[in-house]
Structures are given as structure tokens and as C-alpha cells.
Amino acid sequence: MQRYIITGAPGAGKTTTLAALRGRGYAVVDEAATEVNIRLRALGRDEPWRDLGFIDAITLLQRERLEQPAPPGTAVQVFDRSPICTLALARFLGLPVTPLLAGEVDRMVAEGVYQTRVFFFQLLGFITPAAAHRVSLAQSVAFERFHVQAYRDHGFDLIDVPVGTVEERAEVVDRHIRSRAV
């Protein structure tokens, strides 16, 4: 199974591009942090990232989604973020890197769980408000640097996905994956 990661800071256009890739027939695995954020807000926590278990909840959901069987005949999965993104988030928020997260990052790197070339989406230059996250463009720019550093620190190569239309960006990803098809 080839597992590709799509990453970038909030406001980079990952979600809409992933929907386009899903429309092209790719098995897309949704982002865990957004779901954890929504779940905790539903429990009345206005700032879920302040919860001590926030990082571990994301890590556990990422692992759960990774372990779910892919649809029959699937050779490629495209993941909206990975535990490296969760590591970047912890560092950005000034939270400790939990033993669970550190172990998951070490495991995914050692086992080669994901392709080592990661699609890095450049920021669009604006932020579309969303219920799951409240981040300014300036915060997103800063967060972007944490992502780049975290992936590079763990030996991943970033494939730049420049600003463009959703279809142009989906084509960058699709073309690269097809060129690597086994």
C-alpha cells in the first residue's frame, strides 16, 4: 500500500483539494485533528487545544484511521496530515510531545508507513473561517514553518504544491502519484 501525506498550515486549501482527489477515485483518509476539535467543542470545551489529552486524542485517532482496512483494490491512500503534523502542532502550541506521540512518530518513520515524499500545500494568502479552528493568517504562516521543520527533521522530502485552482493542485498530486505507481 502506498500512503501519501498531504500537509500544510490551516488555510492552504488541503480540504478542497482532497475532495477533488476523492472525486478522482483516491481513497482519502480525513484529518484527525479537526474531528477531535469538533468532538471536544461539542463537550463544551471552547479551546480544546488546552486539554491535556488533546495531542494524544489526535494521535490515537490518526492511528485508528491508519489501521482501518482500505477499500478492496486500493493501492494508494492519501492522508490529510500525519503524526508529524501532530508533532508540529504540539510544538507550535508549546505543548509537551507526549510519549504516545513520540512513539507513533518513531514507529511511522522506522516502519516506512508513509511515502517519504510529502505534498506540502502553500498557503492561499487568506483564511476561510471554520468552526473547527480559529487561526489568523499570521498564526498560519508561523505554523507552516513548524510543519516544514518537523517533516525535514524526520527525513521527509516536501513536494511543493503551489497556489492554484483546486483542479490544478489536484493534478500536481495526481500526476506525481501516477508517475510513482507500481
C-alpha atoms as a PDB file:
ATOM      1  CA  MET A   1       0.000   0.000   0.000  1.00  0.00           C
ATOM      2  CA  GLN A   2       1.322   3.419  -0.918  1.00  0.00           C
ATOM      3  CA  ARG A   3       0.329   6.027   1.653  1.00  0.00           C
ATOM      4  CA  TYR A   4       0.832   9.669   0.751  1.00  0.00           C
ATOM      5  CA  ILE A   5       0.565  12.615   3.133  1.00  0.00           C
ATOM      6  CA  ILE A   6      -0.890  15.989   2.263  1.00  0.00           C
ATOM      7  CA  THR A   7       0.123  18.707   4.690  1.00  0.00           C
ATOM      8  CA  GLY A   8       0.296  22.447   5.107  1.00  0.00           C
ATOM      9  CA  ALA A   9      -0.909  25.050   7.540  1.00  0.00           C
ATOM     10  CA  PRO A  10      -4.580  25.963   8.012  1.00  0.00           C
ATOM     11  CA  GLY A  11      -5.723  27.995   5.026  1.00  0.00           C
ATOM     12  CA  ALA A  12      -3.638  26.112   2.480  1.00  0.00           C
ATOM     13  CA  GLY A  13      -6.613  24.580   0.651  1.00  0.00           C
ATOM     14  CA  LYS A  14      -5.972  20.958   1.560  1.00  0.00           C
ATOM     15  CA  THR A  15      -9.586  20.052   2.305  1.00  0.00           C
ATOM     16  CA  THR A  16     -10.987  21.171  -1.037  1.00  0.00           C
ATOM     17  CA  THR A  17      -8.141  19.551  -2.943  1.00  0.00           C
ATOM     18  CA  LEU A  18      -8.622  16.298  -1.050  1.00  0.00           C
ATOM     19  CA  ALA A  19     -12.297  16.370  -2.040  1.00  0.00           C
ATOM     20  CA  ALA A  20     -11.194  16.717  -5.676  1.00  0.00           C
ATOM     21  CA  LEU A  21      -8.801  13.784  -5.257  1.00  0.00           C
ATOM     22  CA  ARG A  22     -11.608  11.730  -3.718  1.00  0.00           C
ATOM     23  CA  GLY A  23     -13.644  12.614  -6.812  1.00  0.00           C
ATOM     24  CA  ARG A  24     -10.806  11.236  -8.950  1.00  0.00           C
ATOM     25  CA  GLY A  25     -11.139   7.911  -7.166  1.00  0.00           C
ATOM     26  CA  TYR A  26      -8.469   8.188  -4.495  1.00  0.00           C
ATOM     27  CA  ALA A  27      -9.010   6.661  -1.062  1.00  0.00           C
ATOM     28  CA  VAL A  28      -8.713   9.748   1.160  1.00  0.00           C
ATOM     29  CA  VAL A  29      -8.232   9.492   4.927  1.00  0.00           C
ATOM     30  CA  ASP A  30      -9.666  12.545   6.683  1.00  0.00           C
ATOM     31  CA  GLU A  31      -7.811  14.768   9.127  1.00  0.00           C
ATOM     32  CA  ALA A  32      -7.999  13.640  12.755  1.00  0.00           C
ATOM     33  CA  ALA A  33      -7.329  16.982  14.464  1.00  0.00           C
ATOM     34  CA  THR A  34     -10.454  18.571  13.017  1.00  0.00           C
ATOM     35  CA  GLU A  35     -12.627  15.740  14.297  1.00  0.00           C
ATOM     36  CA  VAL A  36     -11.034  15.816  17.759  1.00  0.00           C
ATOM     37  CA  ASN A  37     -11.542  19.581  17.859  1.00  0.00           C
ATOM     38  CA  ILE A  38     -15.221  19.222  16.926  1.00  0.00           C
ATOM     39  CA  ARG A  39     -15.786  16.416  19.465  1.00  0.00           C
ATOM     40  CA  LEU A  40     -14.263  18.412  22.318  1.00  0.00           C
ATOM     41  CA  ARG A  41     -16.188  21.548  21.403  1.00  0.00           C
ATOM     42  CA  ALA A  42     -19.391  19.509  21.451  1.00  0.00           C
ATOM     43  CA  LEU A  43     -18.488  18.660  25.047  1.00  0.00           C
ATOM     44  CA  GLY A  44     -18.348  22.371  25.857  1.00  0.00           C
ATOM     45  CA  ARG A  45     -14.610  22.933  25.606  1.00  0.00           C
ATOM     46  CA  ASP A  46     -14.168  26.241  23.805  1.00  0.00           C
ATOM     47  CA  GLU A  47     -10.387  25.872  23.456  1.00  0.00           C
ATOM     48  CA  PRO A  48      -9.826  22.122  23.065  1.00  0.00           C
ATOM     49  CA  TRP A  49      -6.119  22.529  22.389  1.00  0.00           C
ATOM     50  CA  ARG A  50      -5.722  23.447  26.054  1.00  0.00           C
ATOM     51  CA  ASP A  51      -6.926  19.991  27.154  1.00  0.00           C
ATOM     52  CA  LEU A  52      -4.102  17.802  28.434  1.00  0.00           C
ATOM     53  CA  GLY A  53      -5.285  14.890  26.294  1.00  0.00           C
ATOM     54  CA  PHE A  54      -5.700  16.863  23.054  1.00  0.00           C
ATOM     55  CA  ILE A  55      -2.467  15.742  21.358  1.00  0.00           C
ATOM     56  CA  ASP A  56      -2.926  12.111  22.391  1.00  0.00           C
ATOM     57  CA  ALA A  57      -6.544  12.112  21.185  1.00  0.00           C
ATOM     58  CA  ILE A  58      -5.375  13.246  17.743  1.00  0.00           C
ATOM     59  CA  THR A  59      -2.559  10.684  17.713  1.00  0.00           C
ATOM     60  CA  LEU A  60      -4.909   7.846  18.667  1.00  0.00           C
ATOM     61  CA  LEU A  61      -7.448   8.792  16.002  1.00  0.00           C
ATOM     62  CA  GLN A  62      -4.689   9.006  13.382  1.00  0.00           C
ATOM     63  CA  ARG A  63      -3.514   5.511  14.342  1.00  0.00           C
ATOM     64  CA  GLU A  64      -7.093   4.193  14.297  1.00  0.00           C
ATOM     65  CA  ARG A  65      -7.651   5.577  10.802  1.00  0.00           C
ATOM     66  CA  LEU A  66      -4.333   4.199   9.596  1.00  0.00           C
ATOM     67  CA  GLU A  67      -5.281   0.730  10.807  1.00  0.00           C
ATOM     68  CA  GLN A  68      -8.725   0.724   9.180  1.00  0.00           C
ATOM     69  CA  PRO A  69      -8.765  -1.525   6.125  1.00  0.00           C
ATOM     70  CA  ALA A  70      -8.620   0.310   2.813  1.00  0.00           C
ATOM     71  CA  PRO A  71     -11.396  -0.346   0.304  1.00  0.00           C
ATOM     72  CA  PRO A  72     -10.806  -3.521  -1.734  1.00  0.00           C
ATOM     73  CA  GLY A  73      -8.499  -2.974  -4.684  1.00  0.00           C
ATOM     74  CA  THR A  74      -6.967   0.169  -3.193  1.00  0.00           C
ATOM     75  CA  ALA A  75      -3.259   0.568  -3.940  1.00  0.00           C
ATOM     76  CA  VAL A  76      -2.928   4.208  -2.838  1.00  0.00           C
ATOM     77  CA  GLN A  77      -4.250   6.129   0.144  1.00  0.00           C
ATOM     78  CA  VAL A  78      -3.973   9.886   0.573  1.00  0.00           C
ATOM     79  CA  PHE A  79      -3.852  11.087   4.176  1.00  0.00           C
ATOM     80  CA  ASP A  80      -4.927  14.535   5.308  1.00  0.00           C
ATOM     81  CA  ARG A  81      -1.999  15.003   7.694  1.00  0.00           C
ATOM     82  CA  SER A  82       0.043  12.533   9.741  1.00  0.00           C
ATOM     83  CA  PRO A  83       1.540  12.236  13.236  1.00  0.00           C
ATOM     84  CA  ILE A  84       4.366  14.519  12.047  1.00  0.00           C
ATOM     85  CA  CYS A  85       1.709  17.235  11.688  1.00  0.00           C
ATOM     86  CA  THR A  86       0.573  16.477  15.229  1.00  0.00           C
ATOM     87  CA  LEU A  87       4.183  16.877  16.350  1.00  0.00           C
ATOM     88  CA  ALA A  88       4.310  20.260  14.584  1.00  0.00           C
ATOM     89  CA  LEU A  89       1.032  21.219  16.286  1.00  0.00           C
ATOM     90  CA  ALA A  90       2.333  20.295  19.745  1.00  0.00           C
ATOM     91  CA  ARG A  91       5.493  22.314  19.188  1.00  0.00           C
ATOM     92  CA  PHE A  92       3.553  25.270  17.764  1.00  0.00           C
ATOM     93  CA  LEU A  93       1.192  25.308  20.760  1.00  0.00           C
ATOM     94  CA  GLY A  94       4.070  24.913  23.212  1.00  0.00           C
ATOM     95  CA  LEU A  95       2.649  21.605  24.441  1.00  0.00           C
ATOM     96  CA  PRO A  96       4.817  18.688  25.501  1.00  0.00           C
ATOM     97  CA  VAL A  97       5.468  15.962  22.961  1.00  0.00           C
ATOM     98  CA  THR A  98       3.740  13.089  24.716  1.00  0.00           C
ATOM     99  CA  PRO A  99       5.264   9.612  24.877  1.00  0.00           C
ATOM    100  CA  LEU A 100       2.367   8.349  22.739  1.00  0.00           C
ATOM    101  CA  LEU A 101       3.038  10.905  20.004  1.00  0.00           C
ATOM    102  CA  ALA A 102       6.817  10.429  20.135  1.00  0.00           C
ATOM    103  CA  GLY A 103       6.348   6.666  19.869  1.00  0.00           C
ATOM    104  CA  GLU A 104       3.959   6.965  16.943  1.00  0.00           C
ATOM    105  CA  VAL A 105       6.302   9.304  15.067  1.00  0.00           C
ATOM    106  CA  ASP A 106       9.244   6.964  15.695  1.00  0.00           C
ATOM    107  CA  ARG A 107       7.197   3.950  14.584  1.00  0.00           C
ATOM    108  CA  MET A 108       5.894   5.522  11.381  1.00  0.00           C
ATOM    109  CA  VAL A 109       9.390   6.647  10.383  1.00  0.00           C
ATOM    110  CA  ALA A 110      11.109   3.352  11.294  1.00  0.00           C
ATOM    111  CA  GLU A 111       8.466   1.220   9.563  1.00  0.00           C
ATOM    112  CA  GLY A 112       8.178   3.444   6.492  1.00  0.00           C
ATOM    113  CA  VAL A 113       4.417   3.663   6.949  1.00  0.00           C
ATOM    114  CA  TYR A 114       4.103   6.647   4.591  1.00  0.00           C
ATOM    115  CA  GLN A 115       5.863   7.622   1.390  1.00  0.00           C
ATOM    116  CA  THR A 116       8.862   9.816   2.172  1.00  0.00           C
ATOM    117  CA  ARG A 117       7.777  12.471  -0.301  1.00  0.00           C
ATOM    118  CA  VAL A 118       5.042  14.612   1.263  1.00  0.00           C
ATOM    119  CA  PHE A 119       2.771  17.043  -0.580  1.00  0.00           C
ATOM    120  CA  PHE A 120       3.210  20.439   1.044  1.00  0.00           C
ATOM    121  CA  PHE A 121       0.428  22.909   0.206  1.00  0.00           C
ATOM    122  CA  GLN A 122       1.432  26.555   0.122  1.00  0.00           C
ATOM    123  CA  LEU A 123      -0.860  28.993   1.918  1.00  0.00           C
ATOM    124  CA  LEU A 124      -3.509  30.679  -0.219  1.00  0.00           C
ATOM    125  CA  GLY A 125      -2.952  34.068   1.422  1.00  0.00           C
ATOM    126  CA  PHE A 126      -6.261  34.152   3.292  1.00  0.00           C
ATOM    127  CA  ILE A 127      -8.079  32.086   5.901  1.00  0.00           C
ATOM    128  CA  THR A 128     -11.637  30.860   5.449  1.00  0.00           C
ATOM    129  CA  PRO A 129     -13.318  30.816   8.870  1.00  0.00           C
ATOM    130  CA  ALA A 130     -14.200  27.317  10.064  1.00  0.00           C
ATOM    131  CA  ALA A 131     -15.934  26.024  13.160  1.00  0.00           C
ATOM    132  CA  ALA A 132     -13.134  23.559  13.879  1.00  0.00           C
ATOM    133  CA  HIS A 133     -10.285  26.034  14.036  1.00  0.00           C
ATOM    134  CA  ARG A 134      -9.783  29.682  14.821  1.00  0.00           C
ATOM    135  CA  VAL A 135      -6.485  30.811  13.406  1.00  0.00           C
ATOM    136  CA  SER A 136      -5.305  34.035  11.834  1.00  0.00           C
ATOM    137  CA  LEU A 137      -3.250  34.208   8.669  1.00  0.00           C
ATOM    138  CA  ALA A 138      -0.228  35.323  10.716  1.00  0.00           C
ATOM    139  CA  GLN A 139      -0.606  32.296  13.007  1.00  0.00           C
ATOM    140  CA  SER A 140      -0.960  30.039   9.994  1.00  0.00           C
ATOM    141  CA  VAL A 141       2.247  31.418   8.463  1.00  0.00           C
ATOM    142  CA  ALA A 142       4.088  30.704  11.723  1.00  0.00           C
ATOM    143  CA  PHE A 143       2.523  27.246  11.980  1.00  0.00           C
ATOM    144  CA  GLU A 144       3.658  26.499   8.423  1.00  0.00           C
ATOM    145  CA  ARG A 145       7.300  26.828   9.492  1.00  0.00           C
ATOM    146  CA  PHE A 146       6.771  24.254  12.245  1.00  0.00           C
ATOM    147  CA  HIS A 147       5.386  21.801   9.674  1.00  0.00           C
ATOM    148  CA  VAL A 148       8.304  22.253   7.299  1.00  0.00           C
ATOM    149  CA  GLN A 149      10.834  21.776  10.086  1.00  0.00           C
ATOM    150  CA  ALA A 150       9.118  18.729  11.596  1.00  0.00           C
ATOM    151  CA  TYR A 151       8.978  16.882   8.278  1.00  0.00           C
ATOM    152  CA  ARG A 152      12.558  17.741   7.364  1.00  0.00           C
ATOM    153  CA  ASP A 153      13.791  16.728  10.834  1.00  0.00           C
ATOM    154  CA  HIS A 154      12.345  13.258  10.214  1.00  0.00           C
ATOM    155  CA  GLY A 155      13.811  12.741   6.750  1.00  0.00           C
ATOM    156  CA  PHE A 156      10.819  13.579   4.590  1.00  0.00           C
ATOM    157  CA  ASP A 157      11.096  15.466   1.305  1.00  0.00           C
ATOM    158  CA  LEU A 158       8.461  18.111   0.662  1.00  0.00           C
ATOM    159  CA  ILE A 159       6.831  18.338  -2.752  1.00  0.00           C
ATOM    160  CA  ASP A 160       5.724  21.923  -3.190  1.00  0.00           C
ATOM    161  CA  VAL A 161       2.084  22.302  -4.220  1.00  0.00           C
ATOM    162  CA  PRO A 162       1.866  25.952  -5.246  1.00  0.00           C
ATOM    163  CA  VAL A 163      -1.182  28.166  -5.055  1.00  0.00           C
ATOM    164  CA  GLY A 164      -3.550  27.431  -7.925  1.00  0.00           C
ATOM    165  CA  THR A 165      -7.067  26.265  -8.613  1.00  0.00           C
ATOM    166  CA  VAL A 166      -8.338  23.188  -6.824  1.00  0.00           C
ATOM    167  CA  GLU A 167      -8.052  21.203 -10.057  1.00  0.00           C
ATOM    168  CA  GLU A 168      -4.509  22.422 -10.720  1.00  0.00           C
ATOM    169  CA  ARG A 169      -3.447  21.371  -7.263  1.00  0.00           C
ATOM    170  CA  ALA A 170      -5.213  18.017  -7.527  1.00  0.00           C
ATOM    171  CA  GLU A 171      -3.412  17.486 -10.831  1.00  0.00           C
ATOM    172  CA  VAL A 172       0.002  18.111  -9.194  1.00  0.00           C
ATOM    173  CA  VAL A 173      -0.745  15.395  -6.638  1.00  0.00           C
ATOM    174  CA  ASP A 174      -2.372  13.015  -9.116  1.00  0.00           C
ATOM    175  CA  ARG A 175       0.435  13.344 -11.662  1.00  0.00           C
ATOM    176  CA  HIS A 176       3.093  12.636  -9.042  1.00  0.00           C
ATOM    177  CA  ILE A 177       1.273   9.594  -7.656  1.00  0.00           C
ATOM    178  CA  ARG A 178       0.656   8.172 -11.140  1.00  0.00           C
ATOM    179  CA  SER A 179       4.340   8.642 -12.010  1.00  0.00           C
ATOM    180  CA  ARG A 180       5.251   6.522  -8.972  1.00  0.00           C
ATOM    181  CA  ALA A 181       2.621   3.807  -9.497  1.00  0.00           C
ATOM    182  CA  VAL A 182       3.977   0.309  -9.027  1.00  0.00           C
END
